Amino acid sequence: MPIPQEYFAASRDFNAFMADAKAALGTVASVLRRHVNGADFERIPAGLPEEARACWA
């Protein structure tokens, strides 16, 4: 059964959004690593929403 074009486009757009979000979070994480000690850096994800926490790893 073929996938409707709307679903394919939505999936592609969502994947692009998640890639951008992961890149942005990686930039934030690299800045935090320079300014926060290791123990505190490991505790930060506990305060993040589940989606952001998944990108943190």
PDB file of N, CA and C in Angstrom:
ATOM      1  N   MET A   1       0.852  -1.180   0.000  1.00  0.00           N
ATOM      2  CA  MET A   1       0.000   0.000   0.000  1.00  0.00           C
ATOM      3  C   MET A   1       0.896   1.241   0.000  1.00  0.00           C
ATOM      4  N   PRO A   2       0.697   2.133  -0.929  1.00  0.00           N
ATOM      5  CA  PRO A   2       1.541   3.340  -1.000  1.00  0.00           C
ATOM      6  C   PRO A   2       1.235   4.310   0.143  1.00  0.00           C
ATOM      7  N   ILE A   3       2.248   5.087   0.501  1.00  0.00           N
ATOM      8  CA  ILE A   3       2.111   6.091   1.557  1.00  0.00           C
ATOM      9  C   ILE A   3       1.599   7.388   0.933  1.00  0.00           C
ATOM     10  N   PRO A   4       0.558   8.003   1.523  1.00  0.00           N
ATOM     11  CA  PRO A   4       0.075   9.282   0.992  1.00  0.00           C
ATOM     12  C   PRO A   4       1.174  10.350   1.043  1.00  0.00           C
ATOM     13  N   GLN A   5       1.187  11.218   0.076  1.00  0.00           N
ATOM     14  CA  GLN A   5       2.211  12.261  -0.039  1.00  0.00           C
ATOM     15  C   GLN A   5       2.261  13.155   1.205  1.00  0.00           C
ATOM     16  N   GLU A   6       1.091  13.429   1.796  1.00  0.00           N
ATOM     17  CA  GLU A   6       1.060  14.294   2.988  1.00  0.00           C
ATOM     18  C   GLU A   6       1.831  13.655   4.140  1.00  0.00           C
ATOM     19  N   TYR A   7       1.707  12.345   4.309  1.00  0.00           N
ATOM     20  CA  TYR A   7       2.418  11.653   5.380  1.00  0.00           C
ATOM     21  C   TYR A   7       3.920  11.640   5.118  1.00  0.00           C
ATOM     22  N   PHE A   8       4.286  11.431   3.887  1.00  0.00           N
ATOM     23  CA  PHE A   8       5.704  11.412   3.543  1.00  0.00           C
ATOM     24  C   PHE A   8       6.329  12.780   3.805  1.00  0.00           C
ATOM     25  N   ALA A   9       5.645  13.843   3.381  1.00  0.00           N
ATOM     26  CA  ALA A   9       6.168  15.204   3.579  1.00  0.00           C
ATOM     27  C   ALA A   9       6.245  15.541   5.068  1.00  0.00           C
ATOM     28  N   ALA A  10       5.231  15.148   5.830  1.00  0.00           N
ATOM     29  CA  ALA A  10       5.227  15.430   7.263  1.00  0.00           C
ATOM     30  C   ALA A  10       6.371  14.695   7.954  1.00  0.00           C
ATOM     31  N   SER A  11       6.604  13.468   7.565  1.00  0.00           N
ATOM     32  CA  SER A  11       7.694  12.689   8.146  1.00  0.00           C
ATOM     33  C   SER A  11       9.047  13.324   7.825  1.00  0.00           C
ATOM     34  N   ARG A  12       9.213  13.748   6.588  1.00  0.00           N
ATOM     35  CA  ARG A  12      10.464  14.388   6.167  1.00  0.00           C
ATOM     36  C   ARG A  12      10.675  15.699   6.932  1.00  0.00           C
ATOM     37  N   ASP A  13       9.612  16.500   7.062  1.00  0.00           N
ATOM     38  CA  ASP A  13       9.723  17.770   7.783  1.00  0.00           C
ATOM     39  C   ASP A  13      10.037  17.546   9.259  1.00  0.00           C
ATOM     40  N   PHE A  14       9.412  16.537   9.861  1.00  0.00           N
ATOM     41  CA  PHE A  14       9.665  16.244  11.265  1.00  0.00           C
ATOM     42  C   PHE A  14      11.106  15.792  11.469  1.00  0.00           C
ATOM     43  N   ASN A  15      11.593  14.941  10.603  1.00  0.00           N
ATOM     44  CA  ASN A  15      12.978  14.475  10.715  1.00  0.00           C
ATOM     45  C   ASN A  15      13.966  15.630  10.566  1.00  0.00           C
ATOM     46  N   ALA A  16      13.671  16.557   9.672  1.00  0.00           N
ATOM     47  CA  ALA A  16      14.530  17.739   9.504  1.00  0.00           C
ATOM     48  C   ALA A  16      14.499  18.612  10.758  1.00  0.00           C
ATOM     49  N   PHE A  17      13.309  18.772  11.336  1.00  0.00           N
ATOM     50  CA  PHE A  17      13.166  19.548  12.566  1.00  0.00           C
ATOM     51  C   PHE A  17      13.963  18.920  13.700  1.00  0.00           C
ATOM     52  N   MET A  18      13.864  17.602  13.861  1.00  0.00           N
ATOM     53  CA  MET A  18      14.579  16.917  14.934  1.00  0.00           C
ATOM     54  C   MET A  18      16.095  17.013  14.735  1.00  0.00           C
ATOM     55  N   ALA A  19      16.546  16.948  13.490  1.00  0.00           N
ATOM     56  CA  ALA A  19      17.976  17.091  13.222  1.00  0.00           C
ATOM     57  C   ALA A  19      18.451  18.489  13.615  1.00  0.00           C
ATOM     58  N   ASP A  20      17.657  19.509  13.283  1.00  0.00           N
ATOM     59  CA  ASP A  20      18.011  20.878  13.671  1.00  0.00           C
ATOM     60  C   ASP A  20      18.006  21.043  15.188  1.00  0.00           C
ATOM     61  N   ALA A  21      17.012  20.467  15.846  1.00  0.00           N
ATOM     62  CA  ALA A  21      16.922  20.571  17.303  1.00  0.00           C
ATOM     63  C   ALA A  21      18.117  19.883  17.966  1.00  0.00           C
ATOM     64  N   LYS A  22      18.495  18.730  17.444  1.00  0.00           N
ATOM     65  CA  LYS A  22      19.638  18.011  18.012  1.00  0.00           C
ATOM     66  C   LYS A  22      20.927  18.812  17.831  1.00  0.00           C
ATOM     67  N   ALA A  23      21.080  19.448  16.671  1.00  0.00           N
ATOM     68  CA  ALA A  23      22.266  20.267  16.425  1.00  0.00           C
ATOM     69  C   ALA A  23      22.294  21.465  17.377  1.00  0.00           C
ATOM     70  N   ALA A  24      21.135  22.092  17.575  1.00  0.00           N
ATOM     71  CA  ALA A  24      21.073  23.243  18.477  1.00  0.00           C
ATOM     72  C   ALA A  24      21.375  22.825  19.907  1.00  0.00           C
ATOM     73  N   LEU A  25      20.817  21.703  20.329  1.00  0.00           N
ATOM     74  CA  LEU A  25      21.072  21.229  21.687  1.00  0.00           C
ATOM     75  C   LEU A  25      22.539  20.851  21.856  1.00  0.00           C
ATOM     76  N   GLY A  26      23.137  20.297  20.816  1.00  0.00           N
ATOM     77  CA  GLY A  26      24.561  19.968  20.879  1.00  0.00           C
ATOM     78  C   GLY A  26      25.418  21.202  21.063  1.00  0.00           C
ATOM     79  N   THR A  27      25.036  22.296  20.420  1.00  0.00           N
ATOM     80  CA  THR A  27      25.761  23.557  20.572  1.00  0.00           C
ATOM     81  C   THR A  27      25.648  24.061  22.003  1.00  0.00           C
ATOM     82  N   VAL A  28      24.442  24.002  22.555  1.00  0.00           N
ATOM     83  CA  VAL A  28      24.230  24.424  23.940  1.00  0.00           C
ATOM     84  C   VAL A  28      25.035  23.536  24.887  1.00  0.00           C
ATOM     85  N   ALA A  29      25.014  22.234  24.626  1.00  0.00           N
ATOM     86  CA  ALA A  29      25.737  21.303  25.492  1.00  0.00           C
ATOM     87  C   ALA A  29      27.237  21.575  25.466  1.00  0.00           C
ATOM     88  N   SER A  30      27.778  21.886  24.297  1.00  0.00           N
ATOM     89  CA  SER A  30      29.217  22.148  24.223  1.00  0.00           C
ATOM     90  C   SER A  30      29.594  23.412  24.987  1.00  0.00           C
ATOM     91  N   VAL A  31      28.730  24.412  24.963  1.00  0.00           N
ATOM     92  CA  VAL A  31      28.990  25.632  25.732  1.00  0.00           C
ATOM     93  C   VAL A  31      28.910  25.330  27.221  1.00  0.00           C
ATOM     94  N   LEU A  32      27.907  24.548  27.623  1.00  0.00           N
ATOM     95  CA  LEU A  32      27.764  24.215  29.035  1.00  0.00           C
ATOM     96  C   LEU A  32      28.955  23.410  29.542  1.00  0.00           C
ATOM     97  N   ARG A  33      29.481  22.522  28.713  1.00  0.00           N
ATOM     98  CA  ARG A  33      30.627  21.705  29.128  1.00  0.00           C
ATOM     99  C   ARG A  33      31.820  22.567  29.520  1.00  0.00           C
ATOM    100  N   ARG A  34      31.948  23.713  28.839  1.00  0.00           N
ATOM    101  CA  ARG A  34      33.078  24.597  29.134  1.00  0.00           C
ATOM    102  C   ARG A  34      32.887  25.369  30.433  1.00  0.00           C
ATOM    103  N   HIS A  35      31.628  25.509  30.884  1.00  0.00           N
ATOM    104  CA  HIS A  35      31.349  26.369  32.034  1.00  0.00           C
ATOM    105  C   HIS A  35      30.810  25.640  33.260  1.00  0.00           C
ATOM    106  N   VAL A  36      30.522  24.345  33.137  1.00  0.00           N
ATOM    107  CA  VAL A  36      29.927  23.591  34.242  1.00  0.00           C
ATOM    108  C   VAL A  36      30.798  22.374  34.508  1.00  0.00           C
ATOM    109  N   ASN A  37      30.964  22.022  35.793  1.00  0.00           N
ATOM    110  CA  ASN A  37      31.769  20.841  36.101  1.00  0.00           C
ATOM    111  C   ASN A  37      31.035  19.566  35.677  1.00  0.00           C
ATOM    112  N   GLY A  38      31.724  18.456  35.625  1.00  0.00           N
ATOM    113  CA  GLY A  38      31.185  17.206  35.102  1.00  0.00           C
ATOM    114  C   GLY A  38      29.965  16.692  35.842  1.00  0.00           C
ATOM    115  N   ALA A  39      29.980  16.753  37.172  1.00  0.00           N
ATOM    116  CA  ALA A  39      28.849  16.245  37.954  1.00  0.00           C
ATOM    117  C   ALA A  39      27.581  17.047  37.671  1.00  0.00           C
ATOM    118  N   ASP A  40      27.703  18.362  37.630  1.00  0.00           N
ATOM    119  CA  ASP A  40      26.537  19.205  37.344  1.00  0.00           C
ATOM    120  C   ASP A  40      26.054  19.006  35.916  1.00  0.00           C
ATOM    121  N   PHE A  41      26.992  18.829  34.985  1.00  0.00           N
ATOM    122  CA  PHE A  41      26.617  18.622  33.583  1.00  0.00           C
ATOM    123  C   PHE A  41      25.784  17.359  33.423  1.00  0.00           C
ATOM    124  N   GLU A  42      26.082  16.321  34.192  1.00  0.00           N
ATOM    125  CA  GLU A  42      25.330  15.073  34.108  1.00  0.00           C
ATOM    126  C   GLU A  42      23.948  15.189  34.731  1.00  0.00           C
ATOM    127  N   ARG A  43      23.739  16.144  35.631  1.00  0.00           N
ATOM    128  CA  ARG A  43      22.421  16.319  36.260  1.00  0.00           C
ATOM    129  C   ARG A  43      21.483  17.183  35.433  1.00  0.00           C
ATOM    130  N   ILE A  44      21.985  17.948  34.495  1.00  0.00           N
ATOM    131  CA  ILE A  44      21.154  18.871  33.706  1.00  0.00           C
ATOM    132  C   ILE A  44      20.017  18.158  32.980  1.00  0.00           C
ATOM    133  N   PRO A  45      20.235  17.020  32.311  1.00  0.00           N
ATOM    134  CA  PRO A  45      19.139  16.404  31.560  1.00  0.00           C
ATOM    135  C   PRO A  45      17.920  16.031  32.408  1.00  0.00           C
ATOM    136  N   ALA A  46      18.089  15.839  33.698  1.00  0.00           N
ATOM    137  CA  ALA A  46      16.954  15.484  34.551  1.00  0.00           C
ATOM    138  C   ALA A  46      15.889  16.577  34.548  1.00  0.00           C
ATOM    139  N   GLY A  47      16.274  17.814  34.300  1.00  0.00           N
ATOM    140  CA  GLY A  47      15.325  18.921  34.285  1.00  0.00           C
ATOM    141  C   GLY A  47      14.764  19.242  32.918  1.00  0.00           C
ATOM    142  N   LEU A  48      15.154  18.477  31.912  1.00  0.00           N
ATOM    143  CA  LEU A  48      14.699  18.742  30.551  1.00  0.00           C
ATOM    144  C   LEU A  48      13.479  17.905  30.189  1.00  0.00           C
ATOM    145  N   PRO A  49      12.676  18.374  29.225  1.00  0.00           N
ATOM    146  CA  PRO A  49      11.585  17.537  28.725  1.00  0.00           C
ATOM    147  C   PRO A  49      12.147  16.270  28.078  1.00  0.00           C
ATOM    148  N   GLU A  50      11.311  15.257  27.955  1.00  0.00           N
ATOM    149  CA  GLU A  50      11.756  13.956  27.455  1.00  0.00           C
ATOM    150  C   GLU A  50      12.411  14.046  26.081  1.00  0.00           C
ATOM    151  N   GLU A  51      11.865  14.854  25.180  1.00  0.00           N
ATOM    152  CA  GLU A  51      12.413  14.959  23.831  1.00  0.00           C
ATOM    153  C   GLU A  51      13.820  15.551  23.853  1.00  0.00           C
ATOM    154  N   ALA A  52      14.016  16.580  24.640  1.00  0.00           N
ATOM    155  CA  ALA A  52      15.337  17.201  24.740  1.00  0.00           C
ATOM    156  C   ALA A  52      16.321  16.266  25.435  1.00  0.00           C
ATOM    157  N   ARG A  53      15.831  15.534  26.414  1.00  0.00           N
ATOM    158  CA  ARG A  53      16.687  14.581  27.132  1.00  0.00           C
ATOM    159  C   ARG A  53      17.186  13.494  26.186  1.00  0.00           C
ATOM    160  N   ALA A  54      16.347  13.067  25.245  1.00  0.00           N
ATOM    161  CA  ALA A  54      16.747  12.054  24.271  1.00  0.00           C
ATOM    162  C   ALA A  54      17.853  12.576  23.370  1.00  0.00           C
ATOM    163  N   CYS A  55      17.813  13.842  23.020  1.00  0.00           N
ATOM    164  CA  CYS A  55      18.854  14.424  22.161  1.00  0.00           C
ATOM    165  C   CYS A  55      20.140  14.662  22.940  1.00  0.00           C
ATOM    166  N   TRP A  56      20.052  14.803  24.252  1.00  0.00           N
ATOM    167  CA  TRP A  56      21.211  15.115  25.086  1.00  0.00           C
ATOM    168  C   TRP A  56      22.222  13.965  25.074  1.00  0.00           C
ATOM    169  N   ALA A  57      21.727  12.747  25.015  1.00  0.00           N
ATOM    170  CA  ALA A  57      22.598  11.561  25.135  1.00  0.00           C
ATOM    171  C   ALA A  57      23.552  11.402  24.011  1.00  0.00           C
TER     172      ALA A  57
END
